[in-house]
Amino acid sequence: MSKISEAFKNKKAFVGFLTAGDPSLDKTEEFIVTMEKAGAAVIEIGIPFSDPIAETPVVQEANVRALSVEGGCTTDMIFAMLGRVKDKVSVPLVLMTYLNPVFKYGYEAFMRKCQENGVSGLIIPDMPYDEKEEILPMAEKYDIEIISLVAPASKSRIRMIAQDAKGYIYVLPSLDAADGRKDVVTDISDIVGEIRGVTETPVVLEIGVNYPEAEYETIADGFVVENAIVNLIAKHGMDAAQPIYDYVKKTVDSL
């Protein structure tokens, strides 16, 4: 069983998210440790990118802040930070990035750096399923699990995407729903049912999204939190550790 799979064993897993370098890489390191202490089971770290098309406005703003930090926030700087933090936490770390930065870095070099610096998984939202084989051999060589994304619009392809998924499956709402709209009709139960029909890979949903099904808490294996944590960092900046701890602890205790 992989490190990510272990994180979902016998519990609802809280998956926290932050953007590396917001407000600084030293604080990112601190916040990762803080989230684990508060009960996070998996921590996603976004690599800031100049064109984060898959992100909500909240996370897009975090990308801008991270890239605006004096001295910048490069991929190598993020790997160095992960190298420091990997021995301070035991939870799996998952990087969220886009295909172009990985391609420019070099698939094998990127995966090797992930393994060397304690990264267990990788999310690439703009990588089509059909092009997954381009990167998969290098990911498997270095034991990095590529996290599959399933969106309502991909309904006809859900089983195909899910059947060979690793780590966990991130069920995406529409972007409107992720921004908090209440009028988005999405049959999450049906999507999760399709996934369950072909795999036992854990399914995660996003906390804070207004899914139509009131009972959605019962059908997921874990929950991702993006906007709430990023908003705390935007509000409190360098002093966000305690608010992050309080939020994560309260949420984990409620699962």
Protein backbone atom coordinates (compact mmCIF):
# COMPACT_ATOMS: atom_id res chain seq x y z
CA MET A 1 0.00 0.00 0.00
CA SER A 2 1.37 3.40 -0.98
CA LYS A 3 1.93 6.25 1.47
CA ILE A 4 -1.03 8.13 0.01
CA SER A 5 -3.32 5.09 0.26
CA GLU A 6 -2.32 4.66 3.91
CA ALA A 7 -3.51 8.21 4.60
CA PHE A 8 -7.09 7.18 3.80
CA LYS A 9 -7.07 3.96 5.79
CA ASN A 10 -9.96 3.67 8.27
CA LYS A 11 -10.75 7.39 8.34
CA LYS A 12 -12.04 10.39 6.43
CA ALA A 13 -8.92 12.14 5.21
CA PHE A 14 -8.50 15.90 5.39
CA VAL A 15 -6.47 17.12 2.41
CA GLY A 16 -5.10 20.61 2.92
CA PHE A 17 -3.82 22.91 0.19
CA LEU A 18 -1.54 25.92 0.08
CA THR A 19 0.49 27.73 -2.55
CA ALA A 20 4.24 27.49 -2.12
CA GLY A 21 5.86 30.85 -1.43
CA ASP A 22 2.70 32.56 -0.15
CA PRO A 23 3.66 34.60 1.82
CA SER A 24 7.20 33.10 1.84
CA LEU A 25 8.80 29.67 1.46
CA ASP A 26 9.86 29.66 5.11
CA LYS A 27 6.23 30.19 6.08
CA THR A 28 5.07 27.52 3.63
CA GLU A 29 7.36 25.10 5.46
CA GLU A 30 5.89 26.19 8.79
CA PHE A 31 2.31 25.92 7.55
CA ILE A 32 2.87 22.38 6.25
CA VAL A 33 4.06 21.30 9.71
CA THR A 34 1.13 23.16 11.28
CA MET A 35 -1.44 21.39 9.11
CA GLU A 36 -0.05 17.97 9.99
CA LYS A 37 -0.14 18.81 13.72
CA ALA A 38 -3.77 19.85 13.32
CA GLY A 39 -4.69 16.52 11.73
CA ALA A 40 -4.29 16.87 7.97
CA ALA A 41 -3.82 13.46 6.35
CA VAL A 42 -2.45 14.72 3.01
CA ILE A 43 -1.03 18.13 2.08
CA GLU A 44 -1.15 19.52 -1.45
CA ILE A 45 1.38 22.20 -2.34
CA GLY A 46 0.75 24.33 -5.40
CA ILE A 47 3.73 25.43 -7.47
CA PRO A 48 2.96 29.06 -8.41
CA PHE A 49 2.45 29.54 -12.12
CA SER A 50 1.88 32.65 -14.22
CA ASP A 51 -1.23 31.23 -15.90
CA PRO A 52 -3.05 29.03 -13.35
CA ILE A 53 -6.10 28.37 -15.53
CA ALA A 54 -7.54 25.61 -13.35
CA GLU A 55 -7.57 27.67 -10.15
CA THR A 56 -10.22 29.73 -8.44
CA PRO A 57 -9.61 33.50 -8.15
CA VAL A 58 -8.56 32.98 -4.52
CA VAL A 59 -5.75 30.61 -5.50
CA GLN A 60 -4.86 32.68 -8.56
CA GLU A 61 -4.21 35.62 -6.24
CA ALA A 62 -2.00 33.40 -4.08
CA ASN A 63 0.00 32.53 -7.20
CA VAL A 64 0.49 36.23 -7.90
CA ARG A 65 1.63 36.89 -4.32
CA ALA A 66 4.08 33.99 -4.38
CA LEU A 67 5.59 35.03 -7.70
CA SER A 68 5.88 38.61 -6.46
CA VAL A 69 7.93 37.71 -3.38
CA GLU A 70 11.39 39.30 -3.42
CA GLY A 71 13.80 36.78 -4.90
CA GLY A 72 10.98 34.95 -6.65
CA CYS A 73 9.70 31.44 -6.01
CA THR A 74 11.25 28.97 -8.41
CA THR A 75 10.65 25.25 -8.70
CA ASP A 76 14.15 24.52 -7.40
CA MET A 77 13.52 26.76 -4.39
CA ILE A 78 10.31 24.82 -3.70
CA PHE A 79 12.13 21.50 -3.96
CA ALA A 80 14.74 22.80 -1.49
CA MET A 81 11.96 23.78 0.93
CA LEU A 82 10.37 20.34 0.56
CA GLY A 83 13.74 18.76 1.25
CA ARG A 84 13.84 20.61 4.56
CA VAL A 85 10.28 19.81 5.58
CA LYS A 86 10.10 16.15 4.52
CA ASP A 87 11.79 14.95 7.71
CA LYS A 88 9.52 17.11 9.88
CA VAL A 89 6.26 15.53 8.71
CA SER A 90 5.04 12.01 8.06
CA VAL A 91 1.97 12.77 5.94
CA PRO A 92 2.22 12.40 2.14
CA LEU A 93 3.01 15.57 0.22
CA VAL A 94 1.41 16.11 -3.20
CA LEU A 95 2.55 18.77 -5.66
CA MET A 96 0.02 20.58 -7.83
CA THR A 97 1.45 22.10 -11.00
CA TYR A 98 0.92 22.44 -14.75
CA LEU A 99 2.36 20.40 -17.58
CA ASN A 100 4.53 23.13 -19.10
CA PRO A 101 6.75 23.63 -16.03
CA VAL A 102 7.24 19.87 -15.71
CA PHE A 103 8.02 19.57 -19.43
CA LYS A 104 10.54 22.43 -19.28
CA TYR A 105 12.18 20.97 -16.18
CA GLY A 106 12.36 17.55 -17.83
CA TYR A 107 10.03 14.71 -16.89
CA GLU A 108 12.70 12.47 -15.41
CA ALA A 109 14.55 15.28 -13.64
CA PHE A 110 11.28 16.54 -12.13
CA MET A 111 10.20 13.10 -10.90
CA ARG A 112 13.65 12.43 -9.47
CA LYS A 113 13.51 15.71 -7.56
CA CYS A 114 10.06 14.79 -6.28
CA GLN A 115 11.31 11.48 -4.93
CA GLU A 116 14.46 13.03 -3.41
CA ASN A 117 12.41 15.67 -1.61
CA GLY A 118 9.61 13.60 -0.14
CA VAL A 119 6.85 14.13 -2.70
CA SER A 120 4.45 11.19 -3.01
CA GLY A 121 2.02 12.44 -5.65
CA LEU A 122 1.52 14.90 -8.45
CA ILE A 123 -1.57 16.72 -9.76
CA ILE A 124 -1.41 18.18 -13.28
CA PRO A 125 -4.88 19.59 -14.06
CA ASP A 126 -4.12 20.61 -17.63
CA MET A 127 -2.77 17.21 -18.68
CA PRO A 128 -5.42 15.35 -20.72
CA TYR A 129 -6.00 11.75 -19.75
CA ASP A 130 -5.06 10.70 -23.28
CA GLU A 131 -1.59 12.22 -22.86
CA LYS A 132 -0.94 10.68 -19.47
CA GLU A 133 1.32 7.99 -20.95
CA GLU A 134 3.81 10.71 -21.89
CA ILE A 135 4.69 11.27 -18.24
CA LEU A 136 3.59 8.04 -16.52
CA PRO A 137 6.76 5.94 -17.10
CA MET A 138 8.94 8.50 -15.34
CA ALA A 139 6.43 8.89 -12.52
CA GLU A 140 6.33 5.15 -11.96
CA LYS A 141 10.12 4.89 -12.11
CA TYR A 142 10.38 7.27 -9.16
CA ASP A 143 7.27 6.06 -7.28
CA ILE A 144 5.30 9.25 -7.81
CA GLU A 145 1.54 8.72 -8.06
CA ILE A 146 -0.29 10.82 -10.65
CA ILE A 147 -3.57 11.93 -9.06
CA SER A 148 -6.53 11.65 -11.42
CA LEU A 149 -9.09 14.44 -11.73
CA VAL A 150 -12.74 13.81 -12.60
CA ALA A 151 -15.10 16.64 -13.49
CA PRO A 152 -18.86 16.60 -14.17
CA ALA A 153 -18.14 17.37 -17.82
CA SER A 154 -16.08 14.18 -18.14
CA LYS A 155 -19.01 11.90 -17.24
CA SER A 156 -18.70 9.65 -20.28
CA ARG A 157 -15.01 9.10 -19.46
CA ILE A 158 -15.26 8.67 -15.70
CA ARG A 159 -14.82 4.90 -15.68
CA MET A 160 -11.88 5.09 -18.07
CA ILE A 161 -10.14 7.72 -15.94
CA ALA A 162 -10.90 5.99 -12.65
CA GLN A 163 -9.99 2.42 -13.52
CA ASP A 164 -6.23 2.96 -13.40
CA ALA A 165 -6.17 5.86 -10.90
CA LYS A 166 -3.56 5.93 -8.16
CA GLY A 167 -3.39 7.66 -4.79
CA TYR A 168 -6.81 9.27 -4.76
CA ILE A 169 -9.34 10.62 -7.24
CA TYR A 170 -10.14 14.31 -6.98
CA VAL A 171 -13.75 14.92 -8.04
CA LEU A 172 -13.84 18.49 -9.28
CA PRO A 173 -16.90 20.70 -9.13
CA SER A 174 -17.49 23.15 -11.93
CA LEU A 175 -15.45 26.35 -11.50
CA ASP A 176 -18.69 28.16 -10.67
CA ALA A 177 -19.39 25.74 -7.84
CA ALA A 178 -15.84 26.06 -6.55
CA ASP A 179 -16.43 29.79 -6.28
CA GLY A 180 -19.40 29.18 -4.02
CA ARG A 181 -22.43 29.38 -6.30
CA LYS A 182 -25.49 27.52 -5.06
CA ASP A 183 -27.29 27.01 -8.35
CA VAL A 184 -24.97 24.43 -9.90
CA VAL A 185 -26.65 21.07 -10.45
CA THR A 186 -24.18 18.23 -10.34
CA ASP A 187 -25.01 14.63 -9.48
CA ILE A 188 -22.00 13.91 -7.28
CA SER A 189 -23.52 10.68 -6.00
CA ASP A 190 -23.79 9.40 -9.56
CA ILE A 191 -20.20 10.37 -10.36
CA VAL A 192 -18.88 8.66 -7.23
CA GLY A 193 -21.00 5.61 -8.02
CA GLU A 194 -19.41 5.36 -11.46
CA ILE A 195 -15.97 5.55 -9.83
CA ARG A 196 -16.82 2.93 -7.21
CA GLY A 197 -17.87 0.58 -9.99
CA VAL A 198 -14.32 0.25 -11.31
CA THR A 199 -11.90 1.06 -8.48
CA GLU A 200 -11.34 1.15 -4.73
CA THR A 201 -9.08 4.19 -5.05
CA PRO A 202 -10.22 6.80 -2.48
CA VAL A 203 -12.45 9.63 -3.69
CA VAL A 204 -12.10 13.19 -2.40
CA LEU A 205 -14.46 16.15 -2.70
CA GLU A 206 -13.85 19.81 -2.00
CA ILE A 207 -15.11 21.29 1.26
CA GLY A 208 -16.84 24.62 0.78
CA VAL A 209 -18.43 23.69 -2.52
CA ASN A 210 -22.23 23.75 -2.58
CA TYR A 211 -22.92 20.25 -3.83
CA PRO A 212 -26.65 19.57 -4.31
CA GLU A 213 -26.58 16.36 -2.26
CA ALA A 214 -26.83 17.12 1.45
CA GLU A 215 -25.45 13.64 2.17
CA TYR A 216 -22.24 14.06 0.14
CA GLU A 217 -20.19 13.73 3.33
CA THR A 218 -21.14 10.07 3.47
CA ILE A 219 -19.95 9.14 -0.01
CA ALA A 220 -16.40 10.57 0.04
CA ASP A 221 -13.23 9.10 1.51
CA GLY A 222 -11.71 12.51 2.06
CA PHE A 223 -12.09 16.22 1.58
CA VAL A 224 -9.86 18.83 -0.04
CA VAL A 225 -9.74 22.36 1.33
CA GLU A 226 -8.27 25.03 -0.93
CA ASN A 227 -9.95 28.43 -0.71
CA ALA A 228 -10.44 28.48 3.06
CA ILE A 229 -6.79 27.91 3.91
CA VAL A 230 -5.51 30.20 1.16
CA ASN A 231 -7.89 32.92 2.40
CA LEU A 232 -6.49 32.56 5.93
CA ILE A 233 -2.99 33.04 4.54
CA ALA A 234 -4.12 36.08 2.54
CA LYS A 235 -5.71 37.59 5.65
CA HIS A 236 -3.06 36.80 8.27
CA GLY A 237 0.11 36.58 6.15
CA MET A 238 3.15 35.72 8.23
CA ASP A 239 0.93 35.15 11.29
CA ALA A 240 -1.37 32.59 9.66
CA ALA A 241 -0.06 29.48 11.46
CA GLN A 242 -2.45 29.63 14.43
CA PRO A 243 -5.56 30.40 12.35
CA ILE A 244 -4.63 27.54 9.99
CA TYR A 245 -4.17 25.18 12.94
CA ASP A 246 -7.51 26.18 14.46
CA TYR A 247 -9.38 25.79 11.16
CA VAL A 248 -7.84 22.43 10.24
CA LYS A 249 -8.31 21.03 13.76
CA LYS A 250 -11.95 22.08 13.89
CA THR A 251 -12.66 20.66 10.45
CA VAL A 252 -10.86 17.36 11.08
CA ASP A 253 -12.73 16.91 14.35
CA SER A 254 -16.01 17.34 12.50
CA LEU A 255 -15.35 14.67 9.87
